[in-house]
Amino acid sequence: SILEVSEYELQKLISFLDEDYKKEDRG
């Protein structure tokens, strides 16, 4: 609702952000 995206788009955004966080230099 806040981002005005579909469920699929939200999962895609979460997946991209999660990939960034999986890097060793992230806490």
mmCIF file of all heavy atoms, coordinates in Angstrom:
data_MODEL
# 
_entry.id   MODEL 
# 
loop_
_atom_site.group_PDB 
_atom_site.id 
_atom_site.type_symbol 
_atom_site.label_atom_id 
_atom_site.label_alt_id 
_atom_site.label_comp_id 
_atom_site.label_asym_id 
_atom_site.label_entity_id 
_atom_site.label_seq_id 
_atom_site.pdbx_PDB_ins_code 
_atom_site.Cartn_x 
_atom_site.Cartn_y 
_atom_site.Cartn_z 
_atom_site.occupancy 
_atom_site.B_iso_or_equiv 
_atom_site.pdbx_formal_charge 
_atom_site.auth_seq_id 
_atom_site.auth_comp_id 
_atom_site.auth_asym_id 
_atom_site.auth_atom_id 
_atom_site.pdbx_PDB_model_num 
ATOM 1   N N   . SER A 1 1  ? 0.820  -1.207  0.000   1.00 0.00 ? 1  SER A N   1 
ATOM 2   C CA  . SER A 1 1  ? 0.000  0.000   0.000   1.00 0.00 ? 1  SER A CA  1 
ATOM 3   C C   . SER A 1 1  ? 0.858  1.263   0.000   1.00 0.00 ? 1  SER A C   1 
ATOM 4   O O   . SER A 1 1  ? 0.617  2.191   -0.774  1.00 0.00 ? 1  SER A O   1 
ATOM 5   C CB  . SER A 1 1  ? -0.917 -0.013  1.225   1.00 0.00 ? 1  SER A CB  1 
ATOM 6   O OG  . SER A 1 1  ? -1.619 1.187   1.332   1.00 0.00 ? 1  SER A OG  1 
ATOM 7   N N   . ILE A 1 2  ? 1.867  1.306   0.854   1.00 0.00 ? 2  ILE A N   1 
ATOM 8   C CA  . ILE A 1 2  ? 2.725  2.484   0.961   1.00 0.00 ? 2  ILE A CA  1 
ATOM 9   C C   . ILE A 1 2  ? 3.525  2.702   -0.323  1.00 0.00 ? 2  ILE A C   1 
ATOM 10  O O   . ILE A 1 2  ? 3.615  3.815   -0.830  1.00 0.00 ? 2  ILE A O   1 
ATOM 11  C CB  . ILE A 1 2  ? 3.676  2.357   2.172   1.00 0.00 ? 2  ILE A CB  1 
ATOM 12  C CG1 . ILE A 1 2  ? 2.880  2.366   3.467   1.00 0.00 ? 2  ILE A CG1 1 
ATOM 13  C CG2 . ILE A 1 2  ? 4.705  3.478   2.172   1.00 0.00 ? 2  ILE A CG2 1 
ATOM 14  C CD1 . ILE A 1 2  ? 3.687  1.952   4.697   1.00 0.00 ? 2  ILE A CD1 1 
ATOM 15  N N   . LEU A 1 3  ? 4.102  1.617   -0.840  1.00 0.00 ? 3  LEU A N   1 
ATOM 16  C CA  . LEU A 1 3  ? 4.951  1.714   -2.035  1.00 0.00 ? 3  LEU A CA  1 
ATOM 17  C C   . LEU A 1 3  ? 4.149  1.733   -3.337  1.00 0.00 ? 3  LEU A C   1 
ATOM 18  O O   . LEU A 1 3  ? 4.716  1.978   -4.403  1.00 0.00 ? 3  LEU A O   1 
ATOM 19  C CB  . LEU A 1 3  ? 5.954  0.551   -2.068  1.00 0.00 ? 3  LEU A CB  1 
ATOM 20  C CG  . LEU A 1 3  ? 7.006  0.548   -0.970  1.00 0.00 ? 3  LEU A CG  1 
ATOM 21  C CD1 . LEU A 1 3  ? 7.745  -0.785  -0.926  1.00 0.00 ? 3  LEU A CD1 1 
ATOM 22  C CD2 . LEU A 1 3  ? 7.982  1.691   -1.184  1.00 0.00 ? 3  LEU A CD2 1 
ATOM 23  N N   . GLU A 1 4  ? 2.850  1.424   -3.222  1.00 0.00 ? 4  GLU A N   1 
ATOM 24  C CA  . GLU A 1 4  ? 1.969  1.363   -4.394  1.00 0.00 ? 4  GLU A CA  1 
ATOM 25  C C   . GLU A 1 4  ? 2.510  0.388   -5.432  1.00 0.00 ? 4  GLU A C   1 
ATOM 26  O O   . GLU A 1 4  ? 2.720  0.730   -6.603  1.00 0.00 ? 4  GLU A O   1 
ATOM 27  C CB  . GLU A 1 4  ? 1.753  2.762   -4.977  1.00 0.00 ? 4  GLU A CB  1 
ATOM 28  C CG  . GLU A 1 4  ? 1.115  3.718   -3.997  1.00 0.00 ? 4  GLU A CG  1 
ATOM 29  C CD  . GLU A 1 4  ? 1.053  5.151   -4.491  1.00 0.00 ? 4  GLU A CD  1 
ATOM 30  O OE1 . GLU A 1 4  ? 1.748  5.500   -5.482  1.00 0.00 ? 4  GLU A OE1 1 
ATOM 31  O OE2 . GLU A 1 4  ? 0.316  5.930   -3.873  1.00 0.00 ? 4  GLU A OE2 1 
ATOM 32  N N   . VAL A 1 5  ? 2.762  -0.845  -4.968  1.00 0.00 ? 5  VAL A N   1 
ATOM 33  C CA  . VAL A 1 5  ? 3.271  -1.900  -5.839  1.00 0.00 ? 5  VAL A CA  1 
ATOM 34  C C   . VAL A 1 5  ? 2.440  -3.164  -5.646  1.00 0.00 ? 5  VAL A C   1 
ATOM 35  O O   . VAL A 1 5  ? 1.754  -3.324  -4.644  1.00 0.00 ? 5  VAL A O   1 
ATOM 36  C CB  . VAL A 1 5  ? 4.766  -2.216  -5.549  1.00 0.00 ? 5  VAL A CB  1 
ATOM 37  C CG1 . VAL A 1 5  ? 5.655  -1.036  -5.865  1.00 0.00 ? 5  VAL A CG1 1 
ATOM 38  C CG2 . VAL A 1 5  ? 4.971  -2.689  -4.120  1.00 0.00 ? 5  VAL A CG2 1 
ATOM 39  N N   . SER A 1 6  ? 2.540  -4.070  -6.610  1.00 0.00 ? 6  SER A N   1 
ATOM 40  C CA  . SER A 1 6  ? 1.858  -5.363  -6.510  1.00 0.00 ? 6  SER A CA  1 
ATOM 41  C C   . SER A 1 6  ? 2.650  -6.283  -5.585  1.00 0.00 ? 6  SER A C   1 
ATOM 42  O O   . SER A 1 6  ? 3.793  -5.979  -5.209  1.00 0.00 ? 6  SER A O   1 
ATOM 43  C CB  . SER A 1 6  ? 1.751  -6.006  -7.893  1.00 0.00 ? 6  SER A CB  1 
ATOM 44  O OG  . SER A 1 6  ? 3.048  -6.376  -8.354  1.00 0.00 ? 6  SER A OG  1 
ATOM 45  N N   . GLU A 1 7  ? 2.052  -7.410  -5.253  1.00 0.00 ? 7  GLU A N   1 
ATOM 46  C CA  . GLU A 1 7  ? 2.731  -8.390  -4.411  1.00 0.00 ? 7  GLU A CA  1 
ATOM 47  C C   . GLU A 1 7  ? 4.007  -8.879  -5.091  1.00 0.00 ? 7  GLU A C   1 
ATOM 48  O O   . GLU A 1 7  ? 5.053  -9.008  -4.450  1.00 0.00 ? 7  GLU A O   1 
ATOM 49  C CB  . GLU A 1 7  ? 1.791  -9.571  -4.126  1.00 0.00 ? 7  GLU A CB  1 
ATOM 50  C CG  . GLU A 1 7  ? 2.373  -10.599 -3.183  1.00 0.00 ? 7  GLU A CG  1 
ATOM 51  C CD  . GLU A 1 7  ? 1.409  -11.735 -2.888  1.00 0.00 ? 7  GLU A CD  1 
ATOM 52  O OE1 . GLU A 1 7  ? 0.235  -11.678 -3.291  1.00 0.00 ? 7  GLU A OE1 1 
ATOM 53  O OE2 . GLU A 1 7  ? 1.853  -12.710 -2.240  1.00 0.00 ? 7  GLU A OE2 1 
ATOM 54  N N   . TYR A 1 8  ? 3.931  -9.110  -6.404  1.00 0.00 ? 8  TYR A N   1 
ATOM 55  C CA  . TYR A 1 8  ? 5.095  -9.558  -7.164  1.00 0.00 ? 8  TYR A CA  1 
ATOM 56  C C   . TYR A 1 8  ? 6.211  -8.513  -7.134  1.00 0.00 ? 8  TYR A C   1 
ATOM 57  O O   . TYR A 1 8  ? 7.367  -8.833  -6.900  1.00 0.00 ? 8  TYR A O   1 
ATOM 58  C CB  . TYR A 1 8  ? 4.696  -9.866  -8.615  1.00 0.00 ? 8  TYR A CB  1 
ATOM 59  C CG  . TYR A 1 8  ? 5.871  -10.169 -9.506  1.00 0.00 ? 8  TYR A CG  1 
ATOM 60  C CD1 . TYR A 1 8  ? 6.506  -11.407 -9.444  1.00 0.00 ? 8  TYR A CD1 1 
ATOM 61  C CD2 . TYR A 1 8  ? 6.360  -9.211  -10.401 1.00 0.00 ? 8  TYR A CD2 1 
ATOM 62  C CE1 . TYR A 1 8  ? 7.602  -11.691 -10.257 1.00 0.00 ? 8  TYR A CE1 1 
ATOM 63  C CE2 . TYR A 1 8  ? 7.455  -9.484  -11.213 1.00 0.00 ? 8  TYR A CE2 1 
ATOM 64  C CZ  . TYR A 1 8  ? 8.072  -10.732 -11.131 1.00 0.00 ? 8  TYR A CZ  1 
ATOM 65  O OH  . TYR A 1 8  ? 9.149  -10.999 -11.924 1.00 0.00 ? 8  TYR A OH  1 
ATOM 66  N N   . GLU A 1 9  ? 5.851  -7.240  -7.365  1.00 0.00 ? 9  GLU A N   1 
ATOM 67  C CA  . GLU A 1 9  ? 6.847  -6.166  -7.354  1.00 0.00 ? 9  GLU A CA  1 
ATOM 68  C C   . GLU A 1 9  ? 7.487  -6.016  -5.980  1.00 0.00 ? 9  GLU A C   1 
ATOM 69  O O   . GLU A 1 9  ? 8.692  -5.789  -5.869  1.00 0.00 ? 9  GLU A O   1 
ATOM 70  C CB  . GLU A 1 9  ? 6.212  -4.836  -7.773  1.00 0.00 ? 9  GLU A CB  1 
ATOM 71  C CG  . GLU A 1 9  ? 5.815  -4.779  -9.240  1.00 0.00 ? 9  GLU A CG  1 
ATOM 72  C CD  . GLU A 1 9  ? 4.984  -3.546  -9.559  1.00 0.00 ? 9  GLU A CD  1 
ATOM 73  O OE1 . GLU A 1 9  ? 3.969  -3.322  -8.868  1.00 0.00 ? 9  GLU A OE1 1 
ATOM 74  O OE2 . GLU A 1 9  ? 5.388  -2.812  -10.481 1.00 0.00 ? 9  GLU A OE2 1 
ATOM 75  N N   . LEU A 1 10 ? 6.683  -6.165  -4.926  1.00 0.00 ? 10 LEU A N   1 
ATOM 76  C CA  . LEU A 1 10 ? 7.216  -6.072  -3.572  1.00 0.00 ? 10 LEU A CA  1 
ATOM 77  C C   . LEU A 1 10 ? 8.222  -7.191  -3.317  1.00 0.00 ? 10 LEU A C   1 
ATOM 78  O O   . LEU A 1 10 ? 9.313  -6.948  -2.795  1.00 0.00 ? 10 LEU A O   1 
ATOM 79  C CB  . LEU A 1 10 ? 6.100  -6.131  -2.522  1.00 0.00 ? 10 LEU A CB  1 
ATOM 80  C CG  . LEU A 1 10 ? 6.580  -6.138  -1.075  1.00 0.00 ? 10 LEU A CG  1 
ATOM 81  C CD1 . LEU A 1 10 ? 7.300  -4.826  -0.731  1.00 0.00 ? 10 LEU A CD1 1 
ATOM 82  C CD2 . LEU A 1 10 ? 5.419  -6.373  -0.127  1.00 0.00 ? 10 LEU A CD2 1 
ATOM 83  N N   . GLN A 1 11 ? 7.880  -8.412  -3.701  1.00 0.00 ? 11 GLN A N   1 
ATOM 84  C CA  . GLN A 1 11 ? 8.785  -9.541  -3.502  1.00 0.00 ? 11 GLN A CA  1 
ATOM 85  C C   . GLN A 1 11 ? 10.097 -9.329  -4.267  1.00 0.00 ? 11 GLN A C   1 
ATOM 86  O O   . GLN A 1 11 ? 11.172 -9.673  -3.781  1.00 0.00 ? 11 GLN A O   1 
ATOM 87  C CB  . GLN A 1 11 ? 8.125  -10.857 -3.922  1.00 0.00 ? 11 GLN A CB  1 
ATOM 88  C CG  . GLN A 1 11 ? 7.013  -11.295 -2.993  1.00 0.00 ? 11 GLN A CG  1 
ATOM 89  C CD  . GLN A 1 11 ? 7.465  -11.373 -1.551  1.00 0.00 ? 11 GLN A CD  1 
ATOM 90  O OE1 . GLN A 1 11 ? 8.539  -11.863 -1.226  1.00 0.00 ? 11 GLN A OE1 1 
ATOM 91  N NE2 . GLN A 1 11 ? 6.627  -10.870 -0.649  1.00 0.00 ? 11 GLN A NE2 1 
ATOM 92  N N   . LYS A 1 12 ? 9.985  -8.723  -5.449  1.00 0.00 ? 12 LYS A N   1 
ATOM 93  C CA  . LYS A 1 12 ? 11.166 -8.423  -6.256  1.00 0.00 ? 12 LYS A CA  1 
ATOM 94  C C   . LYS A 1 12 ? 12.055 -7.393  -5.533  1.00 0.00 ? 12 LYS A C   1 
ATOM 95  O O   . LYS A 1 12 ? 13.272 -7.559  -5.431  1.00 0.00 ? 12 LYS A O   1 
ATOM 96  C CB  . LYS A 1 12 ? 10.707 -7.894  -7.620  1.00 0.00 ? 12 LYS A CB  1 
ATOM 97  C CG  . LYS A 1 12 ? 11.680 -8.073  -8.737  1.00 0.00 ? 12 LYS A CG  1 
ATOM 98  C CD  . LYS A 1 12 ? 10.956 -7.846  -10.059 1.00 0.00 ? 12 LYS A CD  1 
ATOM 99  C CE  . LYS A 1 12 ? 11.811 -6.977  -10.932 1.00 0.00 ? 12 LYS A CE  1 
ATOM 100 N NZ  . LYS A 1 12 ? 11.189 -6.667  -12.211 1.00 0.00 ? 12 LYS A NZ  1 
ATOM 101 N N   . LEU A 1 13 ? 11.441 -6.335  -4.989  1.00 0.00 ? 13 LEU A N   1 
ATOM 102 C CA  . LEU A 1 13 ? 12.183 -5.302  -4.251  1.00 0.00 ? 13 LEU A CA  1 
ATOM 103 C C   . LEU A 1 13 ? 12.866 -5.897  -3.018  1.00 0.00 ? 13 LEU A C   1 
ATOM 104 O O   . LEU A 1 13 ? 14.032 -5.620  -2.742  1.00 0.00 ? 13 LEU A O   1 
ATOM 105 C CB  . LEU A 1 13 ? 11.244 -4.170  -3.814  1.00 0.00 ? 13 LEU A CB  1 
ATOM 106 C CG  . LEU A 1 13 ? 10.750 -3.226  -4.890  1.00 0.00 ? 13 LEU A CG  1 
ATOM 107 C CD1 . LEU A 1 13 ? 9.638  -2.329  -4.343  1.00 0.00 ? 13 LEU A CD1 1 
ATOM 108 C CD2 . LEU A 1 13 ? 11.896 -2.384  -5.429  1.00 0.00 ? 13 LEU A CD2 1 
ATOM 109 N N   . ILE A 1 14 ? 12.126 -6.731  -2.298  1.00 0.00 ? 14 ILE A N   1 
ATOM 110 C CA  . ILE A 1 14 ? 12.678 -7.367  -1.093  1.00 0.00 ? 14 ILE A CA  1 
ATOM 111 C C   . ILE A 1 14 ? 13.840 -8.264  -1.475  1.00 0.00 ? 14 ILE A C   1 
ATOM 112 O O   . ILE A 1 14 ? 14.878 -8.274  -0.811  1.00 0.00 ? 14 ILE A O   1 
ATOM 113 C CB  . ILE A 1 14 ? 11.580 -8.145  -0.333  1.00 0.00 ? 14 ILE A CB  1 
ATOM 114 C CG1 . ILE A 1 14 ? 10.615 -7.144  0.322   1.00 0.00 ? 14 ILE A CG1 1 
ATOM 115 C CG2 . ILE A 1 14 ? 12.187 -9.078  0.717   1.00 0.00 ? 14 ILE A CG2 1 
ATOM 116 C CD1 . ILE A 1 14 ? 9.373  -7.764  0.906   1.00 0.00 ? 14 ILE A CD1 1 
ATOM 117 N N   . SER A 1 15 ? 13.701 -8.999  -2.567  1.00 0.00 ? 15 SER A N   1 
ATOM 118 C CA  . SER A 1 15 ? 14.758 -9.887  -3.032  1.00 0.00 ? 15 SER A CA  1 
ATOM 119 C C   . SER A 1 15 ? 16.018 -9.100  -3.398  1.00 0.00 ? 15 SER A C   1 
ATOM 120 O O   . SER A 1 15 ? 17.135 -9.489  -3.026  1.00 0.00 ? 15 SER A O   1 
ATOM 121 C CB  . SER A 1 15 ? 14.259 -10.690 -4.232  1.00 0.00 ? 15 SER A CB  1 
ATOM 122 O OG  . SER A 1 15 ? 15.280 -11.506 -4.729  1.00 0.00 ? 15 SER A OG  1 
ATOM 123 N N   . PHE A 1 16 ? 15.856 -7.974  -4.114  1.00 0.00 ? 16 PHE A N   1 
ATOM 124 C CA  . PHE A 1 16 ? 17.008 -7.143  -4.487  1.00 0.00 ? 16 PHE A CA  1 
ATOM 125 C C   . PHE A 1 16 ? 17.711 -6.585  -3.247  1.00 0.00 ? 16 PHE A C   1 
ATOM 126 O O   . PHE A 1 16 ? 18.933 -6.599  -3.150  1.00 0.00 ? 16 PHE A O   1 
ATOM 127 C CB  . PHE A 1 16 ? 16.587 -5.985  -5.393  1.00 0.00 ? 16 PHE A CB  1 
ATOM 128 C CG  . PHE A 1 16 ? 16.200 -6.391  -6.789  1.00 0.00 ? 16 PHE A CG  1 
ATOM 129 C CD1 . PHE A 1 16 ? 15.217 -5.683  -7.474  1.00 0.00 ? 16 PHE A CD1 1 
ATOM 130 C CD2 . PHE A 1 16 ? 16.796 -7.468  -7.428  1.00 0.00 ? 16 PHE A CD2 1 
ATOM 131 C CE1 . PHE A 1 16 ? 14.852 -6.034  -8.760  1.00 0.00 ? 16 PHE A CE1 1 
ATOM 132 C CE2 . PHE A 1 16 ? 16.443 -7.825  -8.714  1.00 0.00 ? 16 PHE A CE2 1 
ATOM 133 C CZ  . PHE A 1 16 ? 15.465 -7.114  -9.387  1.00 0.00 ? 16 PHE A CZ  1 
ATOM 134 N N   . LEU A 1 17 ? 16.916 -6.100  -2.299  1.00 0.00 ? 17 LEU A N   1 
ATOM 135 C CA  . LEU A 1 17 ? 17.485 -5.536  -1.070  1.00 0.00 ? 17 LEU A CA  1 
ATOM 136 C C   . LEU A 1 17 ? 18.180 -6.630  -0.261  1.00 0.00 ? 17 LEU A C   1 
ATOM 137 O O   . LEU A 1 17 ? 19.275 -6.430  0.267   1.00 0.00 ? 17 LEU A O   1 
ATOM 138 C CB  . LEU A 1 17 ? 16.380 -4.861  -0.248  1.00 0.00 ? 17 LEU A CB  1 
ATOM 139 C CG  . LEU A 1 17 ? 16.821 -3.987  0.914   1.00 0.00 ? 17 LEU A CG  1 
ATOM 140 C CD1 . LEU A 1 17 ? 17.777 -2.889  0.475   1.00 0.00 ? 17 LEU A CD1 1 
ATOM 141 C CD2 . LEU A 1 17 ? 15.591 -3.370  1.584   1.00 0.00 ? 17 LEU A CD2 1 
ATOM 142 N N   . ASP A 1 18 ? 17.559 -7.797  -0.223  1.00 0.00 ? 18 ASP A N   1 
ATOM 143 C CA  . ASP A 1 18 ? 18.133 -8.921  0.520   1.00 0.00 ? 18 ASP A CA  1 
ATOM 144 C C   . ASP A 1 18 ? 19.474 -9.342  -0.084  1.00 0.00 ? 18 ASP A C   1 
ATOM 145 O O   . ASP A 1 18 ? 20.409 -9.676  0.643   1.00 0.00 ? 18 ASP A O   1 
ATOM 146 C CB  . ASP A 1 18 ? 17.149 -10.096 0.520   1.00 0.00 ? 18 ASP A CB  1 
ATOM 147 C CG  . ASP A 1 18 ? 17.539 -11.181 1.500   1.00 0.00 ? 18 ASP A CG  1 
ATOM 148 O OD1 . ASP A 1 18 ? 17.954 -10.833 2.633   1.00 0.00 ? 18 ASP A OD1 1 
ATOM 149 O OD2 . ASP A 1 18 ? 17.436 -12.370 1.148   1.00 0.00 ? 18 ASP A OD2 1 
ATOM 150 N N   . GLU A 1 19 ? 19.580 -9.295  -1.399  1.00 0.00 ? 19 GLU A N   1 
ATOM 151 C CA  . GLU A 1 19 ? 20.849 -9.623  -2.069  1.00 0.00 ? 19 GLU A CA  1 
ATOM 152 C C   . GLU A 1 19 ? 21.954 -8.650  -1.653  1.00 0.00 ? 19 GLU A C   1 
ATOM 153 O O   . GLU A 1 19 ? 23.089 -9.047  -1.420  1.00 0.00 ? 19 GLU A O   1 
ATOM 154 C CB  . GLU A 1 19 ? 20.688 -9.631  -3.589  1.00 0.00 ? 19 GLU A CB  1 
ATOM 155 C CG  . GLU A 1 19 ? 19.998 -10.862 -4.127  1.00 0.00 ? 19 GLU A CG  1 
ATOM 156 C CD  . GLU A 1 19 ? 20.720 -12.153 -3.768  1.00 0.00 ? 19 GLU A CD  1 
ATOM 157 O OE1 . GLU A 1 19 ? 21.956 -12.247 -3.931  1.00 0.00 ? 19 GLU A OE1 1 
ATOM 158 O OE2 . GLU A 1 19 ? 20.031 -13.088 -3.292  1.00 0.00 ? 19 GLU A OE2 1 
ATOM 159 N N   . ASP A 1 20 ? 21.602 -7.360  -1.559  1.00 0.00 ? 20 ASP A N   1 
ATOM 160 C CA  . ASP A 1 20 ? 22.576 -6.364  -1.093  1.00 0.00 ? 20 ASP A CA  1 
ATOM 161 C C   . ASP A 1 20 ? 23.059 -6.701  0.316   1.00 0.00 ? 20 ASP A C   1 
ATOM 162 O O   . ASP A 1 20 ? 24.246 -6.607  0.622   1.00 0.00 ? 20 ASP A O   1 
ATOM 163 C CB  . ASP A 1 20 ? 21.954 -4.959  -1.067  1.00 0.00 ? 20 ASP A CB  1 
ATOM 164 C CG  . ASP A 1 20 ? 21.730 -4.390  -2.457  1.00 0.00 ? 20 ASP A CG  1 
ATOM 165 O OD1 . ASP A 1 20 ? 22.269 -4.953  -3.429  1.00 0.00 ? 20 ASP A OD1 1 
ATOM 166 O OD2 . ASP A 1 20 ? 21.014 -3.370  -2.549  1.00 0.00 ? 20 ASP A OD2 1 
ATOM 167 N N   . TYR A 1 21 ? 22.136 -7.096  1.168   1.00 0.00 ? 21 TYR A N   1 
ATOM 168 C CA  . TYR A 1 21 ? 22.457 -7.368  2.567   1.00 0.00 ? 21 TYR A CA  1 
ATOM 169 C C   . TYR A 1 21 ? 23.246 -8.668  2.756   1.00 0.00 ? 21 TYR A C   1 
ATOM 170 O O   . TYR A 1 21 ? 23.897 -8.848  3.777   1.00 0.00 ? 21 TYR A O   1 
ATOM 171 C CB  . TYR A 1 21 ? 21.195 -7.420  3.421   1.00 0.00 ? 21 TYR A CB  1 
ATOM 172 C CG  . TYR A 1 21 ? 20.558 -6.071  3.637   1.00 0.00 ? 21 TYR A CG  1 
ATOM 173 C CD1 . TYR A 1 21 ? 19.184 -5.936  3.639   1.00 0.00 ? 21 TYR A CD1 1 
ATOM 174 C CD2 . TYR A 1 21 ? 21.325 -4.931  3.851   1.00 0.00 ? 21 TYR A CD2 1 
ATOM 175 C CE1 . TYR A 1 21 ? 18.588 -4.699  3.853   1.00 0.00 ? 21 TYR A CE1 1 
ATOM 176 C CE2 . TYR A 1 21 ? 20.742 -3.699  4.054   1.00 0.00 ? 21 TYR A CE2 1 
ATOM 177 C CZ  . TYR A 1 21 ? 19.379 -3.591  4.051   1.00 0.00 ? 21 TYR A CZ  1 
ATOM 178 O OH  . TYR A 1 21 ? 18.792 -2.374  4.267   1.00 0.00 ? 21 TYR A OH  1 
ATOM 179 N N   . LYS A 1 22 ? 23.184 -9.563  1.792   1.00 0.00 ? 22 LYS A N   1 
ATOM 180 C CA  . LYS A 1 22 ? 23.910 -10.830 1.923   1.00 0.00 ? 22 LYS A CA  1 
ATOM 181 C C   . LYS A 1 22 ? 25.411 -10.664 1.722   1.00 0.00 ? 22 LYS A C   1 
ATOM 182 O O   . LYS A 1 22 ? 26.178 -11.559 2.045   1.00 0.00 ? 22 LYS A O   1 
ATOM 183 C CB  . LYS A 1 22 ? 23.347 -11.865 0.951   1.00 0.00 ? 22 LYS A CB  1 
ATOM 184 C CG  . LYS A 1 22 ? 22.019 -12.407 1.416   1.00 0.00 ? 22 LYS A CG  1 
ATOM 185 C CD  . LYS A 1 22 ? 21.508 -13.491 0.513   1.00 0.00 ? 22 LYS A CD  1 
ATOM 186 C CE  . LYS A 1 22 ? 20.182 -13.997 1.074   1.00 0.00 ? 22 LYS A CE  1 
ATOM 187 N NZ  . LYS A 1 22 ? 19.531 -14.947 0.211   1.00 0.00 ? 22 LYS A NZ  1 
ATOM 188 N N   . LYS A 1 23 ? 25.810 -9.506  1.238   1.00 0.00 ? 23 LYS A N   1 
ATOM 189 C CA  . LYS A 1 23 ? 27.232 -9.259  1.033   1.00 0.00 ? 23 LYS A CA  1 
ATOM 190 C C   . LYS A 1 23 ? 27.949 -9.220  2.383   1.00 0.00 ? 23 LYS A C   1 
ATOM 191 O O   . LYS A 1 23 ? 27.377 -8.809  3.394   1.00 0.00 ? 23 LYS A O   1 
ATOM 192 C CB  . LYS A 1 23 ? 27.446 -7.943  0.277   1.00 0.00 ? 23 LYS A CB  1 
ATOM 193 C CG  . LYS A 1 23 ? 26.890 -7.981  -1.131  1.00 0.00 ? 23 LYS A CG  1 
ATOM 194 C CD  . LYS A 1 23 ? 27.016 -6.647  -1.811  1.00 0.00 ? 23 LYS A CD  1 
ATOM 195 C CE  . LYS A 1 23 ? 26.373 -6.712  -3.191  1.00 0.00 ? 23 LYS A CE  1 
ATOM 196 N NZ  . LYS A 1 23 ? 26.222 -5.393  -3.780  1.00 0.00 ? 23 LYS A NZ  1 
ATOM 197 N N   . GLU A 1 24 ? 29.188 -9.639  2.384   1.00 0.00 ? 24 GLU A N   1 
ATOM 198 C CA  . GLU A 1 24 ? 29.961 -9.748  3.615   1.00 0.00 ? 24 GLU A CA  1 
ATOM 199 C C   . GLU A 1 24 ? 30.172 -8.407  4.314   1.00 0.00 ? 24 GLU A C   1 
ATOM 200 O O   . GLU A 1 24 ? 30.306 -8.348  5.538   1.00 0.00 ? 24 GLU A O   1 
ATOM 201 C CB  . GLU A 1 24 ? 31.325 -10.386 3.309   1.00 0.00 ? 24 GLU A CB  1 
ATOM 202 C CG  . GLU A 1 24 ? 32.079 -10.787 4.555   1.00 0.00 ? 24 GLU A CG  1 
ATOM 203 C CD  . GLU A 1 24 ? 33.376 -11.489 4.209   1.00 0.00 ? 24 GLU A CD  1 
ATOM 204 O OE1 . GLU A 1 24 ? 33.327 -12.490 3.470   1.00 0.00 ? 24 GLU A OE1 1 
ATOM 205 O OE2 . GLU A 1 24 ? 34.420 -11.022 4.673   1.00 0.00 ? 24 GLU A OE2 1 
ATOM 206 N N   . ASP A 1 25 ? 30.157 -7.317  3.562   1.00 0.00 ? 25 ASP A N   1 
ATOM 207 C CA  . ASP A 1 25 ? 30.423 -6.001  4.165   1.00 0.00 ? 25 ASP A CA  1 
ATOM 208 C C   . ASP A 1 25 ? 29.169 -5.333  4.728   1.00 0.00 ? 25 ASP A C   1 
ATOM 209 O O   . ASP A 1 25 ? 29.184 -4.158  5.049   1.00 0.00 ? 25 ASP A O   1 
ATOM 210 C CB  . ASP A 1 25 ? 31.111 -5.070  3.161   1.00 0.00 ? 25 ASP A CB  1 
ATOM 211 C CG  . ASP A 1 25 ? 30.249 -4.744  1.954   1.00 0.00 ? 25 ASP A CG  1 
ATOM 212 O OD1 . ASP A 1 25 ? 29.274 -5.482  1.680   1.00 0.00 ? 25 ASP A OD1 1 
ATOM 213 O OD2 . ASP A 1 25 ? 30.545 -3.750  1.272   1.00 0.00 ? 25 ASP A OD2 1 
ATOM 214 N N   . ARG A 1 26 ? 28.097 -6.079  4.872   1.00 0.00 ? 26 ARG A N   1 
ATOM 215 C CA  . ARG A 1 26 ? 26.857 -5.539  5.429   1.00 0.00 ? 26 ARG A CA  1 
ATOM 216 C C   . ARG A 1 26 ? 26.595 -6.168  6.799   1.00 0.00 ? 26 ARG A C   1 
ATOM 217 O O   . ARG A 1 26 ? 26.886 -7.340  7.020   1.00 0.00 ? 26 ARG A O   1 
ATOM 218 C CB  . ARG A 1 26 ? 25.664 -5.823  4.508   1.00 0.00 ? 26 ARG A CB  1 
ATOM 219 C CG  . ARG A 1 26 ? 25.798 -5.257  3.101   1.00 0.00 ? 26 ARG A CG  1 
ATOM 220 C CD  . ARG A 1 26 ? 26.019 -3.746  3.059   1.00 0.00 ? 26 ARG A CD  1 
ATOM 221 N NE  . ARG A 1 26 ? 24.917 -2.975  3.561   1.00 0.00 ? 26 ARG A NE  1 
ATOM 222 C CZ  . ARG A 1 26 ? 23.966 -2.435  2.802   1.00 0.00 ? 26 ARG A CZ  1 
ATOM 223 N NH1 . ARG A 1 26 ? 23.998 -2.578  1.508   1.00 0.00 ? 26 ARG A NH1 1 
ATOM 224 N NH2 . ARG A 1 26 ? 22.999 -1.741  3.352   1.00 0.00 ? 26 ARG A NH2 1 
ATOM 225 N N   . GLY A 1 27 ? 26.030 -5.389  7.721   1.00 0.00 ? 27 GLY A N   1 
ATOM 226 C CA  . GLY A 1 27 ? 25.792 -5.864  9.083   1.00 0.00 ? 27 GLY A CA  1 
ATOM 227 C C   . GLY A 1 27 ? 24.351 -6.171  9.406   1.00 0.00 ? 27 GLY A C   1 
ATOM 228 O O   . GLY A 1 27 ? 24.036 -6.624  10.500  1.00 0.00 ? 27 GLY A O   1 
# 
